[in-house]
Amino acid sequence: MQKGKVLGKFETLRQLGRMIAERRHEKGLSQEALAEAGNFDRTYMSLLERGRRNPTFTNLCRLAAALQLSLPDLARRFDECDARNSAISSKRTHKKEGKI
C-alpha cells in the first residue's frame, strides 16, 4: 500500500483479489489448480479473487506458498497492485475533469 494511504476494508479485499488473479494468470493456473495447490476449496478461491472473503493470516501463508511467493513478496505485489490501480484511477479522474 502506498505510504500514508489507507484503503477501506472492501477496497483492500478487492485489491487483494486482483493481485491473486494476476499472479495466478502469470503462473498459468486455473482457480481450481491454485485451490488444490493451497488445499483450499475452489469456491473459496473464486470468493477471494472477487474480494468477498477476508483470509486469515494462516490462509495468506498457504496462498503465498501456492502462488510460489514468500509472504513479503505477496505483500510487495499487493503494494504494486495498489500503485498501478491508483495511477489508473487518477488518470480516469483527470480525464473526466478534462485535464488530460
C-alpha atoms as a PDB file:
ATOM      1  CA  MET A   1       0.000   0.000   0.000  1.00  0.00           C
ATOM      2  CA  GLN A   2       1.293   3.453  -0.786  1.00  0.00           C
ATOM      3  CA  LYS A   3       2.842   5.214   2.183  1.00  0.00           C
ATOM      4  CA  GLY A   4       0.270   7.183   4.120  1.00  0.00           C
ATOM      5  CA  LYS A   5      -2.647   5.739   2.181  1.00  0.00           C
ATOM      6  CA  VAL A   6      -5.293   3.723   3.999  1.00  0.00           C
ATOM      7  CA  LEU A   7      -7.736   1.645   1.992  1.00  0.00           C
ATOM      8  CA  GLY A   8     -11.165   0.675   3.234  1.00  0.00           C
ATOM      9  CA  LYS A   9     -11.838  -2.966   4.055  1.00  0.00           C
ATOM     10  CA  PHE A  10     -13.726  -3.728   0.861  1.00  0.00           C
ATOM     11  CA  GLU A  11     -11.252  -1.972  -1.436  1.00  0.00           C
ATOM     12  CA  THR A  12      -8.399  -3.799   0.308  1.00  0.00           C
ATOM     13  CA  LEU A  13     -10.092  -7.153  -0.282  1.00  0.00           C
ATOM     14  CA  ARG A  14     -10.853  -6.331  -3.939  1.00  0.00           C
ATOM     15  CA  GLN A  15      -7.239  -5.296  -4.459  1.00  0.00           C
ATOM     16  CA  LEU A  16      -6.004  -8.497  -2.824  1.00  0.00           C
ATOM     17  CA  GLY A  17      -8.273 -10.442  -5.155  1.00  0.00           C
ATOM     18  CA  ARG A  18      -6.916  -8.632  -8.224  1.00  0.00           C
ATOM     19  CA  MET A  19      -3.374  -9.358  -7.124  1.00  0.00           C
ATOM     20  CA  ILE A  20      -4.153 -13.055  -6.569  1.00  0.00           C
ATOM     21  CA  ALA A  21      -5.743 -13.326 -10.015  1.00  0.00           C
ATOM     22  CA  GLU A  22      -2.777 -11.548 -11.663  1.00  0.00           C
ATOM     23  CA  ARG A  23      -0.274 -13.926 -10.089  1.00  0.00           C
ATOM     24  CA  ARG A  24      -2.455 -16.956 -10.850  1.00  0.00           C
ATOM     25  CA  HIS A  25      -2.558 -15.936 -14.518  1.00  0.00           C
ATOM     26  CA  GLU A  26       1.226 -15.376 -14.527  1.00  0.00           C
ATOM     27  CA  LYS A  27       1.669 -18.936 -13.299  1.00  0.00           C
ATOM     28  CA  GLY A  28      -0.820 -20.282 -15.858  1.00  0.00           C
ATOM     29  CA  LEU A  29      -3.069 -21.732 -13.148  1.00  0.00           C
ATOM     30  CA  SER A  30      -6.811 -22.131 -13.056  1.00  0.00           C
ATOM     31  CA  GLN A  31      -8.657 -21.256  -9.860  1.00  0.00           C
ATOM     32  CA  GLU A  32      -9.144 -24.962  -9.343  1.00  0.00           C
ATOM     33  CA  ALA A  33      -5.413 -25.711  -9.696  1.00  0.00           C
ATOM     34  CA  LEU A  34      -4.498 -22.880  -7.314  1.00  0.00           C
ATOM     35  CA  ALA A  35      -7.088 -24.078  -4.808  1.00  0.00           C
ATOM     36  CA  GLU A  36      -5.669 -27.580  -4.980  1.00  0.00           C
ATOM     37  CA  ALA A  37      -2.084 -26.318  -4.531  1.00  0.00           C
ATOM     38  CA  GLY A  38      -3.104 -24.399  -1.391  1.00  0.00           C
ATOM     39  CA  ASN A  39      -5.522 -27.034  -0.116  1.00  0.00           C
ATOM     40  CA  PHE A  40      -8.476 -24.651  -0.449  1.00  0.00           C
ATOM     41  CA  ASP A  41     -11.945 -25.217  -1.797  1.00  0.00           C
ATOM     42  CA  ARG A  42     -12.293 -23.954  -5.390  1.00  0.00           C
ATOM     43  CA  THR A  43     -15.205 -21.721  -4.430  1.00  0.00           C
ATOM     44  CA  TYR A  44     -13.041 -20.078  -1.751  1.00  0.00           C
ATOM     45  CA  MET A  45     -10.535 -19.054  -4.435  1.00  0.00           C
ATOM     46  CA  SER A  46     -13.309 -17.518  -6.504  1.00  0.00           C
ATOM     47  CA  LEU A  47     -14.591 -15.604  -3.471  1.00  0.00           C
ATOM     48  CA  LEU A  48     -11.059 -14.397  -2.637  1.00  0.00           C
ATOM     49  CA  GLU A  49     -10.458 -13.132  -6.174  1.00  0.00           C
ATOM     50  CA  ARG A  50     -13.738 -11.227  -6.088  1.00  0.00           C
ATOM     51  CA  GLY A  51     -12.899  -9.632  -2.728  1.00  0.00           C
ATOM     52  CA  ARG A  52     -15.679 -11.500  -0.953  1.00  0.00           C
ATOM     53  CA  ARG A  53     -13.507 -13.205   1.678  1.00  0.00           C
ATOM     54  CA  ASN A  54     -11.088 -11.831   4.222  1.00  0.00           C
ATOM     55  CA  PRO A  55      -8.377 -14.504   4.543  1.00  0.00           C
ATOM     56  CA  THR A  56      -6.771 -15.333   7.861  1.00  0.00           C
ATOM     57  CA  PHE A  57      -3.023 -14.986   8.296  1.00  0.00           C
ATOM     58  CA  THR A  58      -2.585 -18.752   8.008  1.00  0.00           C
ATOM     59  CA  ASN A  59      -4.572 -18.756   4.761  1.00  0.00           C
ATOM     60  CA  LEU A  60      -2.393 -15.919   3.417  1.00  0.00           C
ATOM     61  CA  CYS A  61       0.678 -18.040   4.225  1.00  0.00           C
ATOM     62  CA  ARG A  62      -0.838 -21.043   2.407  1.00  0.00           C
ATOM     63  CA  LEU A  63      -1.871 -18.821  -0.503  1.00  0.00           C
ATOM     64  CA  ALA A  64       1.620 -17.332  -0.819  1.00  0.00           C
ATOM     65  CA  ALA A  65       3.108 -20.834  -0.922  1.00  0.00           C
ATOM     66  CA  ALA A  66       0.571 -21.958  -3.541  1.00  0.00           C
ATOM     67  CA  LEU A  67       1.475 -18.899  -5.648  1.00  0.00           C
ATOM     68  CA  GLN A  68       5.164 -19.703  -5.153  1.00  0.00           C
ATOM     69  CA  LEU A  69       5.805 -16.464  -3.279  1.00  0.00           C
ATOM     70  CA  SER A  70       7.171 -15.620   0.135  1.00  0.00           C
ATOM     71  CA  LEU A  71       4.815 -13.694   2.393  1.00  0.00           C
ATOM     72  CA  PRO A  72       6.906 -10.486   1.973  1.00  0.00           C
ATOM     73  CA  ASP A  73       6.716 -10.940  -1.827  1.00  0.00           C
ATOM     74  CA  LEU A  74       2.950 -11.343  -1.585  1.00  0.00           C
ATOM     75  CA  ALA A  75       2.775  -8.051   0.365  1.00  0.00           C
ATOM     76  CA  ARG A  76       5.078  -6.324  -2.156  1.00  0.00           C
ATOM     77  CA  ARG A  77       2.854  -7.442  -5.033  1.00  0.00           C
ATOM     78  CA  PHE A  78      -0.158  -6.118  -3.135  1.00  0.00           C
ATOM     79  CA  ASP A  79       1.575  -2.728  -2.885  1.00  0.00           C
ATOM     80  CA  GLU A  80       2.482  -2.778  -6.584  1.00  0.00           C
ATOM     81  CA  CYS A  81      -1.110  -3.603  -7.498  1.00  0.00           C
ATOM     82  CA  ASP A  82      -2.246  -0.661  -5.327  1.00  0.00           C
ATOM     83  CA  ALA A  83       0.182   1.698  -7.075  1.00  0.00           C
ATOM     84  CA  ARG A  84      -0.987   0.600 -10.548  1.00  0.00           C
ATOM     85  CA  ASN A  85      -4.653   0.934  -9.601  1.00  0.00           C
ATOM     86  CA  SER A  86      -4.056   4.366  -8.058  1.00  0.00           C
ATOM     87  CA  ALA A  87      -2.372   5.569 -11.248  1.00  0.00           C
ATOM     88  CA  ILE A  88      -5.234   4.257 -13.387  1.00  0.00           C
ATOM     89  CA  SER A  89      -7.832   5.825 -11.088  1.00  0.00           C
ATOM     90  CA  SER A  90      -6.008   9.169 -11.116  1.00  0.00           C
ATOM     91  CA  LYS A  91      -5.801   9.116 -14.904  1.00  0.00           C
ATOM     92  CA  ARG A  92      -9.566   8.462 -15.161  1.00  0.00           C
ATOM     93  CA  THR A  93     -10.324  11.315 -12.744  1.00  0.00           C
ATOM     94  CA  HIS A  94      -8.149  13.751 -14.702  1.00  0.00           C
ATOM     95  CA  LYS A  95      -9.708  12.634 -17.975  1.00  0.00           C
ATOM     96  CA  LYS A  96     -13.208  13.263 -16.600  1.00  0.00           C
ATOM     97  CA  GLU A  97     -12.111  16.715 -15.431  1.00  0.00           C
ATOM     98  CA  GLY A  98     -10.636  17.487 -18.859  1.00  0.00           C
ATOM     99  CA  LYS A  99      -7.051  17.669 -17.576  1.00  0.00           C
ATOM    100  CA  ILE A 100      -5.724  15.041 -19.990  1.00  0.00           C
END
